[in-house]
Amino acid sequence: MESLTLEQYRRMVEKVLEFKRLNGDLPNYAVVDGCRIGKREYIDMIERVNKFFLEMGRNPGSVDIGPIDDVSAVEKISI
């Protein structure tokens, strides 16, 4: 599976958010119709969909699975 339909994507996000609500942290991976999607990949997917929605004012028809190159990794900053 290289992409998710909008319905599959929404189910994945619901499962991820439910896991976070119950456990206090995001899961290491999400499973959608037998496809295991790593944490980095599903976070990138959510960021891309949010960016698309903000720029286009609508939801995409499908969401590609895979990290995007222009999103930098999050670093822990000590204060």
C-alpha atoms as a PDB file:
ATOM      1  CA  MET A   1       0.000   0.000   0.000  1.00  0.00           C
ATOM      2  CA  GLU A   2       1.535   3.289  -1.099  1.00  0.00           C
ATOM      3  CA  SER A   3      -1.321   5.613  -0.205  1.00  0.00           C
ATOM      4  CA  LEU A   4      -4.468   5.783   1.901  1.00  0.00           C
ATOM      5  CA  THR A   5      -7.900   6.924   0.848  1.00  0.00           C
ATOM      6  CA  LEU A   6      -9.317   9.806   2.829  1.00  0.00           C
ATOM      7  CA  GLU A   7     -11.539   7.334   4.731  1.00  0.00           C
ATOM      8  CA  GLN A   8      -8.557   5.106   5.628  1.00  0.00           C
ATOM      9  CA  TYR A   9      -6.555   8.169   6.670  1.00  0.00           C
ATOM     10  CA  ARG A  10      -9.351   9.397   8.951  1.00  0.00           C
ATOM     11  CA  ARG A  11      -9.642   5.964  10.585  1.00  0.00           C
ATOM     12  CA  MET A  12      -5.882   5.937  11.177  1.00  0.00           C
ATOM     13  CA  VAL A  13      -5.948   9.390  12.765  1.00  0.00           C
ATOM     14  CA  GLU A  14      -8.880   8.399  14.998  1.00  0.00           C
ATOM     15  CA  LYS A  15      -6.986   5.303  16.203  1.00  0.00           C
ATOM     16  CA  VAL A  16      -3.792   7.308  16.820  1.00  0.00           C
ATOM     17  CA  LEU A  17      -5.661   9.989  18.789  1.00  0.00           C
ATOM     18  CA  GLU A  18      -7.571   7.381  20.807  1.00  0.00           C
ATOM     19  CA  PHE A  19      -4.287   5.638  21.685  1.00  0.00           C
ATOM     20  CA  LYS A  20      -2.791   8.986  22.761  1.00  0.00           C
ATOM     21  CA  ARG A  21      -5.846   9.784  24.880  1.00  0.00           C
ATOM     22  CA  LEU A  22      -5.663   6.414  26.637  1.00  0.00           C
ATOM     23  CA  ASN A  23      -1.876   6.132  27.004  1.00  0.00           C
ATOM     24  CA  GLY A  24      -0.613   9.713  27.021  1.00  0.00           C
ATOM     25  CA  ASP A  25       1.759   9.237  24.070  1.00  0.00           C
ATOM     26  CA  LEU A  26       1.566   8.515  20.361  1.00  0.00           C
ATOM     27  CA  PRO A  27       1.870   4.864  19.270  1.00  0.00           C
ATOM     28  CA  ASN A  28       5.088   3.653  17.625  1.00  0.00           C
ATOM     29  CA  TYR A  29       3.069   2.647  14.568  1.00  0.00           C
ATOM     30  CA  ALA A  30      -0.462   2.573  13.162  1.00  0.00           C
ATOM     31  CA  VAL A  31      -2.085  -0.312  11.290  1.00  0.00           C
ATOM     32  CA  VAL A  32      -4.548   0.427   8.489  1.00  0.00           C
ATOM     33  CA  ASP A  33      -6.078  -2.470   6.556  1.00  0.00           C
ATOM     34  CA  GLY A  34      -3.059  -4.651   7.350  1.00  0.00           C
ATOM     35  CA  CYS A  35      -0.503  -1.975   6.467  1.00  0.00           C
ATOM     36  CA  ARG A  36       1.854  -0.978   9.295  1.00  0.00           C
ATOM     37  CA  ILE A  37       2.782   2.711   9.174  1.00  0.00           C
ATOM     38  CA  GLY A  38       5.641   3.913  11.377  1.00  0.00           C
ATOM     39  CA  LYS A  39       5.325   6.867  13.726  1.00  0.00           C
ATOM     40  CA  ARG A  40       7.540   9.154  11.610  1.00  0.00           C
ATOM     41  CA  GLU A  41       5.528   8.333   8.485  1.00  0.00           C
ATOM     42  CA  TYR A  42       2.090   8.906  10.013  1.00  0.00           C
ATOM     43  CA  ILE A  43       3.226  12.170  11.628  1.00  0.00           C
ATOM     44  CA  ASP A  44       4.476  13.336   8.215  1.00  0.00           C
ATOM     45  CA  MET A  45       1.162  12.297   6.652  1.00  0.00           C
ATOM     46  CA  ILE A  46      -0.796  14.329   9.208  1.00  0.00           C
ATOM     47  CA  GLU A  47       1.454  17.354   8.640  1.00  0.00           C
ATOM     48  CA  ARG A  48       1.024  17.113   4.855  1.00  0.00           C
ATOM     49  CA  VAL A  49      -2.762  16.799   5.066  1.00  0.00           C
ATOM     50  CA  ASN A  50      -2.962  19.763   7.442  1.00  0.00           C
ATOM     51  CA  LYS A  51      -0.754  21.838   5.113  1.00  0.00           C
ATOM     52  CA  PHE A  52      -2.839  20.814   2.089  1.00  0.00           C
ATOM     53  CA  PHE A  53      -6.068  21.723   3.890  1.00  0.00           C
ATOM     54  CA  LEU A  54      -4.732  25.131   4.936  1.00  0.00           C
ATOM     55  CA  GLU A  55      -3.436  25.949   1.450  1.00  0.00           C
ATOM     56  CA  MET A  56      -6.266  24.473  -0.638  1.00  0.00           C
ATOM     57  CA  GLY A  57      -9.243  24.783   1.711  1.00  0.00           C
ATOM     58  CA  ARG A  58     -10.286  21.177   1.130  1.00  0.00           C
ATOM     59  CA  ASN A  59      -9.222  17.643   1.967  1.00  0.00           C
ATOM     60  CA  PRO A  60      -7.085  15.586  -0.441  1.00  0.00           C
ATOM     61  CA  GLY A  61      -8.582  12.557  -2.185  1.00  0.00           C
ATOM     62  CA  SER A  62      -5.762  10.295  -1.014  1.00  0.00           C
ATOM     63  CA  VAL A  63      -2.668  10.550   1.195  1.00  0.00           C
ATOM     64  CA  ASP A  64       0.719   9.108   0.179  1.00  0.00           C
ATOM     65  CA  ILE A  65       2.593   7.066   2.773  1.00  0.00           C
ATOM     66  CA  GLY A  66       6.199   8.114   3.321  1.00  0.00           C
ATOM     67  CA  PRO A  67       8.223  10.886   4.901  1.00  0.00           C
ATOM     68  CA  ILE A  68       8.714  14.174   3.114  1.00  0.00           C
ATOM     69  CA  ASP A  69      12.188  15.619   2.766  1.00  0.00           C
ATOM     70  CA  ASP A  70      11.486  19.252   3.599  1.00  0.00           C
ATOM     71  CA  VAL A  71      10.178  18.566   7.125  1.00  0.00           C
ATOM     72  CA  SER A  72      13.031  18.752   9.604  1.00  0.00           C
ATOM     73  CA  ALA A  73      13.306  16.365  12.519  1.00  0.00           C
ATOM     74  CA  VAL A  74      12.184  17.658  15.884  1.00  0.00           C
ATOM     75  CA  GLU A  75      15.006  18.284  18.310  1.00  0.00           C
ATOM     76  CA  LYS A  76      14.711  18.317  22.092  1.00  0.00           C
ATOM     77  CA  ILE A  77      15.877  21.703  23.374  1.00  0.00           C
ATOM     78  CA  SER A  78      17.229  21.986  26.903  1.00  0.00           C
ATOM     79  CA  ILE A  79      16.504  25.194  28.765  1.00  0.00           C
END
